[in-house]
PDB file of all heavy atoms in Angstrom:
ATOM      1  N   PHE A   1      80.984  -0.710  13.787  1.00  0.00           N
ATOM      2  CA  PHE A   1      80.696  -2.113  13.516  1.00  0.00           C
ATOM      3  C   PHE A   1      80.935  -2.360  12.031  1.00  0.00           C
ATOM      4  O   PHE A   1      80.618  -1.519  11.195  1.00  0.00           O
ATOM      5  CB  PHE A   1      79.238  -2.448  13.865  1.00  0.00           C
ATOM      6  CG  PHE A   1      78.922  -2.270  15.323  1.00  0.00           C
ATOM      7  CD1 PHE A   1      78.444  -1.066  15.811  1.00  0.00           C
ATOM      8  CD2 PHE A   1      79.100  -3.321  16.216  1.00  0.00           C
ATOM      9  CE1 PHE A   1      78.152  -0.899  17.153  1.00  0.00           C
ATOM     10  CE2 PHE A   1      78.815  -3.154  17.562  1.00  0.00           C
ATOM     11  CZ  PHE A   1      78.339  -1.948  18.032  1.00  0.00           C
ATOM     12  N   PHE A   2      81.459  -3.529  11.713  1.00  0.00           N
ATOM     13  CA  PHE A   2      81.795  -3.870  10.334  1.00  0.00           C
ATOM     14  C   PHE A   2      81.432  -5.319  10.078  1.00  0.00           C
ATOM     15  O   PHE A   2      81.709  -6.185  10.901  1.00  0.00           O
ATOM     16  CB  PHE A   2      83.297  -3.658  10.107  1.00  0.00           C
ATOM     17  CG  PHE A   2      83.807  -4.099   8.759  1.00  0.00           C
ATOM     18  CD1 PHE A   2      83.348  -3.517   7.593  1.00  0.00           C
ATOM     19  CD2 PHE A   2      84.766  -5.089   8.670  1.00  0.00           C
ATOM     20  CE1 PHE A   2      83.833  -3.920   6.363  1.00  0.00           C
ATOM     21  CE2 PHE A   2      85.269  -5.497   7.447  1.00  0.00           C
ATOM     22  CZ  PHE A   2      84.785  -4.902   6.276  1.00  0.00           C
ATOM     23  N   CYS A   3      80.812  -5.573   8.942  1.00  0.00           N
ATOM     24  CA  CYS A   3      80.445  -6.936   8.577  1.00  0.00           C
ATOM     25  C   CYS A   3      81.341  -7.405   7.439  1.00  0.00           C
ATOM     26  O   CYS A   3      81.183  -6.961   6.308  1.00  0.00           O
ATOM     27  CB  CYS A   3      78.981  -6.994   8.157  1.00  0.00           C
ATOM     28  SG  CYS A   3      78.474  -8.659   7.684  1.00  0.00           S
ATOM     29  N   LEU A   4      82.281  -8.267   7.751  1.00  0.00           N
ATOM     30  CA  LEU A   4      83.167  -8.833   6.742  1.00  0.00           C
ATOM     31  C   LEU A   4      82.513 -10.055   6.088  1.00  0.00           C
ATOM     32  O   LEU A   4      82.577 -10.234   4.889  1.00  0.00           O
ATOM     33  CB  LEU A   4      84.505  -9.231   7.373  1.00  0.00           C
ATOM     34  CG  LEU A   4      85.577  -9.771   6.453  1.00  0.00           C
ATOM     35  CD1 LEU A   4      85.917  -8.758   5.363  1.00  0.00           C
ATOM     36  CD2 LEU A   4      86.837 -10.105   7.254  1.00  0.00           C
ATOM     37  N   GLN A   5      81.849 -10.886   6.900  1.00  0.00           N
ATOM     38  CA  GLN A   5      81.181 -12.085   6.401  1.00  0.00           C
ATOM     39  C   GLN A   5      79.739 -12.070   6.900  1.00  0.00           C
ATOM     40  O   GLN A   5      79.480 -12.335   8.070  1.00  0.00           O
ATOM     41  CB  GLN A   5      81.904 -13.342   6.917  1.00  0.00           C
ATOM     42  CG  GLN A   5      81.229 -14.638   6.533  1.00  0.00           C
ATOM     43  CD  GLN A   5      81.178 -14.840   5.035  1.00  0.00           C
ATOM     44  OE1 GLN A   5      82.187 -14.708   4.353  1.00  0.00           O
ATOM     45  NE2 GLN A   5      80.018 -15.150   4.507  1.00  0.00           N
ATOM     46  N   PRO A   6      78.774 -11.737   6.024  1.00  0.00           N
ATOM     47  CA  PRO A   6      77.365 -11.711   6.458  1.00  0.00           C
ATOM     48  C   PRO A   6      76.909 -13.079   6.954  1.00  0.00           C
ATOM     49  O   PRO A   6      77.363 -14.117   6.461  1.00  0.00           O
ATOM     50  CB  PRO A   6      76.605 -11.316   5.187  1.00  0.00           C
ATOM     51  CG  PRO A   6      77.623 -10.671   4.308  1.00  0.00           C
ATOM     52  CD  PRO A   6      78.933 -11.346   4.632  1.00  0.00           C
ATOM     53  N   ALA A   7      76.018 -13.063   7.924  1.00  0.00           N
ATOM     54  CA  ALA A   7      75.448 -14.302   8.452  1.00  0.00           C
ATOM     55  C   ALA A   7      74.606 -14.976   7.372  1.00  0.00           C
ATOM     56  O   ALA A   7      74.011 -14.298   6.535  1.00  0.00           O
ATOM     57  CB  ALA A   7      74.584 -14.002   9.675  1.00  0.00           C
ATOM     58  N   SER A   8      74.534 -16.308   7.408  1.00  0.00           N
ATOM     59  CA  SER A   8      73.719 -17.022   6.427  1.00  0.00           C
ATOM     60  C   SER A   8      72.236 -16.762   6.666  1.00  0.00           C
ATOM     61  O   SER A   8      71.425 -16.808   5.750  1.00  0.00           O
ATOM     62  CB  SER A   8      74.016 -18.519   6.468  1.00  0.00           C
ATOM     63  OG  SER A   8      73.787 -19.028   7.765  1.00  0.00           O
ATOM     64  N   ARG A   9      71.870 -16.463   7.908  1.00  0.00           N
ATOM     65  CA  ARG A   9      70.510 -16.025   8.228  1.00  0.00           C
ATOM     66  C   ARG A   9      70.573 -15.215   9.512  1.00  0.00           C
ATOM     67  O   ARG A   9      71.453 -15.425  10.351  1.00  0.00           O
ATOM     68  CB  ARG A   9      69.555 -17.187   8.336  1.00  0.00           C
ATOM     69  CG  ARG A   9      69.715 -18.067   9.532  1.00  0.00           C
ATOM     70  CD  ARG A   9      68.636 -19.176   9.535  1.00  0.00           C
ATOM     71  NE  ARG A   9      68.222 -19.510  10.873  1.00  0.00           N
ATOM     72  CZ  ARG A   9      68.872 -20.354  11.654  1.00  0.00           C
ATOM     73  NH1 ARG A   9      69.963 -20.940  11.243  1.00  0.00           N
ATOM     74  NH2 ARG A   9      68.432 -20.608  12.866  1.00  0.00           N
ATOM     75  N   GLY A  10      69.657 -14.272   9.654  1.00  0.00           N
ATOM     76  CA  GLY A  10      69.682 -13.400  10.827  1.00  0.00           C
ATOM     77  C   GLY A  10      70.893 -12.482  10.769  1.00  0.00           C
ATOM     78  O   GLY A  10      71.226 -11.955   9.725  1.00  0.00           O
ATOM     79  N   GLY A  11      71.552 -12.312  11.907  1.00  0.00           N
ATOM     80  CA  GLY A  11      72.787 -11.546  11.934  1.00  0.00           C
ATOM     81  C   GLY A  11      72.615 -10.042  12.005  1.00  0.00           C
ATOM     82  O   GLY A  11      73.562  -9.320  11.806  1.00  0.00           O
ATOM     83  N   ALA A  12      71.430  -9.549  12.270  1.00  0.00           N
ATOM     84  CA  ALA A  12      71.195  -8.104  12.313  1.00  0.00           C
ATOM     85  C   ALA A  12      71.861  -7.482  13.535  1.00  0.00           C
ATOM     86  O   ALA A  12      72.047  -8.130  14.564  1.00  0.00           O
ATOM     87  CB  ALA A  12      69.699  -7.818  12.345  1.00  0.00           C
ATOM     88  N   THR A  13      72.234  -6.230  13.403  1.00  0.00           N
ATOM     89  CA  THR A  13      72.714  -5.436  14.529  1.00  0.00           C
ATOM     90  C   THR A  13      71.703  -4.305  14.727  1.00  0.00           C
ATOM     91  O   THR A  13      71.845  -3.231  14.171  1.00  0.00           O
ATOM     92  CB  THR A  13      74.114  -4.859  14.250  1.00  0.00           C
ATOM     93  OG1 THR A  13      75.016  -5.941  13.990  1.00  0.00           O
ATOM     94  CG2 THR A  13      74.631  -4.054  15.435  1.00  0.00           C
ATOM     95  N   PRO A  14      70.625  -4.587  15.478  1.00  0.00           N
ATOM     96  CA  PRO A  14      69.593  -3.561  15.656  1.00  0.00           C
ATOM     97  C   PRO A  14      70.074  -2.442  16.575  1.00  0.00           C
ATOM     98  O   PRO A  14      70.888  -2.669  17.471  1.00  0.00           O
ATOM     99  CB  PRO A  14      68.431  -4.331  16.282  1.00  0.00           C
ATOM    100  CG  PRO A  14      69.063  -5.499  16.948  1.00  0.00           C
ATOM    101  CD  PRO A  14      70.311  -5.823  16.171  1.00  0.00           C
ATOM    102  N   LEU A  15      69.598  -1.239  16.305  1.00  0.00           N
ATOM    103  CA  LEU A  15      69.927  -0.078  17.130  1.00  0.00           C
ATOM    104  C   LEU A  15      68.650   0.503  17.711  1.00  0.00           C
ATOM    105  O   LEU A  15      67.603   0.484  17.058  1.00  0.00           O
ATOM    106  CB  LEU A  15      70.616   1.003  16.287  1.00  0.00           C
ATOM    107  CG  LEU A  15      71.941   0.637  15.640  1.00  0.00           C
ATOM    108  CD1 LEU A  15      72.446   1.796  14.795  1.00  0.00           C
ATOM    109  CD2 LEU A  15      72.971   0.254  16.683  1.00  0.00           C
ATOM    110  N   VAL A  16      68.752   1.008  18.908  1.00  0.00           N
ATOM    111  CA  VAL A  16      67.612   1.666  19.528  1.00  0.00           C
ATOM    112  C   VAL A  16      68.105   2.977  20.136  1.00  0.00           C
ATOM    113  O   VAL A  16      69.222   3.057  20.654  1.00  0.00           O
ATOM    114  CB  VAL A  16      66.944   0.776  20.605  1.00  0.00           C
ATOM    115  CG1 VAL A  16      67.867   0.527  21.784  1.00  0.00           C
ATOM    116  CG2 VAL A  16      65.627   1.362  21.074  1.00  0.00           C
ATOM    117  N   ASP A  17      67.303   4.004  20.033  1.00  0.00           N
ATOM    118  CA  ASP A  17      67.592   5.298  20.646  1.00  0.00           C
ATOM    119  C   ASP A  17      67.045   5.240  22.069  1.00  0.00           C
ATOM    120  O   ASP A  17      65.845   5.387  22.293  1.00  0.00           O
ATOM    121  CB  ASP A  17      66.922   6.407  19.833  1.00  0.00           C
ATOM    122  CG  ASP A  17      67.195   7.792  20.374  1.00  0.00           C
ATOM    123  OD1 ASP A  17      67.589   7.929  21.549  1.00  0.00           O
ATOM    124  OD2 ASP A  17      66.996   8.757  19.610  1.00  0.00           O
ATOM    125  N   CYS A  18      67.917   4.971  23.028  1.00  0.00           N
ATOM    126  CA  CYS A  18      67.482   4.780  24.417  1.00  0.00           C
ATOM    127  C   CYS A  18      66.828   6.027  25.005  1.00  0.00           C
ATOM    128  O   CYS A  18      65.881   5.923  25.784  1.00  0.00           O
ATOM    129  CB  CYS A  18      68.653   4.325  25.285  1.00  0.00           C
ATOM    130  SG  CYS A  18      69.176   2.644  24.897  1.00  0.00           S
ATOM    131  N   ALA A  19      67.317   7.202  24.629  1.00  0.00           N
ATOM    132  CA  ALA A  19      66.703   8.435  25.122  1.00  0.00           C
ATOM    133  C   ALA A  19      65.285   8.582  24.581  1.00  0.00           C
ATOM    134  O   ALA A  19      64.364   8.959  25.315  1.00  0.00           O
ATOM    135  CB  ALA A  19      67.555   9.644  24.736  1.00  0.00           C
ATOM    136  N   ALA A  20      65.086   8.261  23.303  1.00  0.00           N
ATOM    137  CA  ALA A  20      63.744   8.334  22.715  1.00  0.00           C
ATOM    138  C   ALA A  20      62.831   7.276  23.342  1.00  0.00           C
ATOM    139  O   ALA A  20      61.649   7.539  23.598  1.00  0.00           O
ATOM    140  CB  ALA A  20      63.805   8.161  21.205  1.00  0.00           C
ATOM    141  N   LEU A  21      63.370   6.091  23.586  1.00  0.00           N
ATOM    142  CA  LEU A  21      62.593   5.034  24.230  1.00  0.00           C
ATOM    143  C   LEU A  21      62.148   5.486  25.621  1.00  0.00           C
ATOM    144  O   LEU A  21      60.989   5.324  26.002  1.00  0.00           O
ATOM    145  CB  LEU A  21      63.423   3.753  24.314  1.00  0.00           C
ATOM    146  CG  LEU A  21      62.756   2.570  24.996  1.00  0.00           C
ATOM    147  CD1 LEU A  21      61.549   2.103  24.204  1.00  0.00           C
ATOM    148  CD2 LEU A  21      63.756   1.434  25.156  1.00  0.00           C
ATOM    149  N   TYR A  22      63.065   6.084  26.359  1.00  0.00           N
ATOM    150  CA  TYR A  22      62.737   6.583  27.692  1.00  0.00           C
ATOM    151  C   TYR A  22      61.647   7.663  27.615  1.00  0.00           C
ATOM    152  O   TYR A  22      60.687   7.643  28.378  1.00  0.00           O
ATOM    153  CB  TYR A  22      64.001   7.131  28.365  1.00  0.00           C
ATOM    154  CG  TYR A  22      63.747   7.697  29.729  1.00  0.00           C
ATOM    155  CD1 TYR A  22      63.581   6.856  30.823  1.00  0.00           C
ATOM    156  CD2 TYR A  22      63.673   9.066  29.943  1.00  0.00           C
ATOM    157  CE1 TYR A  22      63.347   7.362  32.087  1.00  0.00           C
ATOM    158  CE2 TYR A  22      63.432   9.588  31.199  1.00  0.00           C
ATOM    159  CZ  TYR A  22      63.265   8.735  32.268  1.00  0.00           C
ATOM    160  OH  TYR A  22      63.016   9.236  33.510  1.00  0.00           O
ATOM    161  N   ARG A  23      61.797   8.598  26.662  1.00  0.00           N
ATOM    162  CA  ARG A  23      60.790   9.663  26.501  1.00  0.00           C
ATOM    163  C   ARG A  23      59.430   9.105  26.101  1.00  0.00           C
ATOM    164  O   ARG A  23      58.395   9.691  26.414  1.00  0.00           O
ATOM    165  CB  ARG A  23      61.248  10.691  25.470  1.00  0.00           C
ATOM    166  CG  ARG A  23      62.385  11.580  25.944  1.00  0.00           C
ATOM    167  CD  ARG A  23      62.661  12.727  24.970  1.00  0.00           C
ATOM    168  NE  ARG A  23      62.981  12.275  23.621  1.00  0.00           N
ATOM    169  CZ  ARG A  23      64.203  11.994  23.175  1.00  0.00           C
ATOM    170  NH1 ARG A  23      65.240  12.114  23.990  1.00  0.00           N
ATOM    171  NH2 ARG A  23      64.396  11.596  21.931  1.00  0.00           N
ATOM    172  N   ALA A  24      59.412   7.969  25.407  1.00  0.00           N
ATOM    173  CA  ALA A  24      58.159   7.370  24.962  1.00  0.00           C
ATOM    174  C   ALA A  24      57.404   6.657  26.084  1.00  0.00           C
ATOM    175  O   ALA A  24      56.210   6.381  25.946  1.00  0.00           O
ATOM    176  CB  ALA A  24      58.424   6.399  23.813  1.00  0.00           C
TER     177      ALA A  24
END
C-alpha cells in the first residue's frame, strides 16, 4: 500500500492480525 496524497482527514489503513484475533 502506498499513500501518494494523504487524506485531509481520516484515511487510515488499519491492520489486524486475524490469527491473533482468532486465538484471542
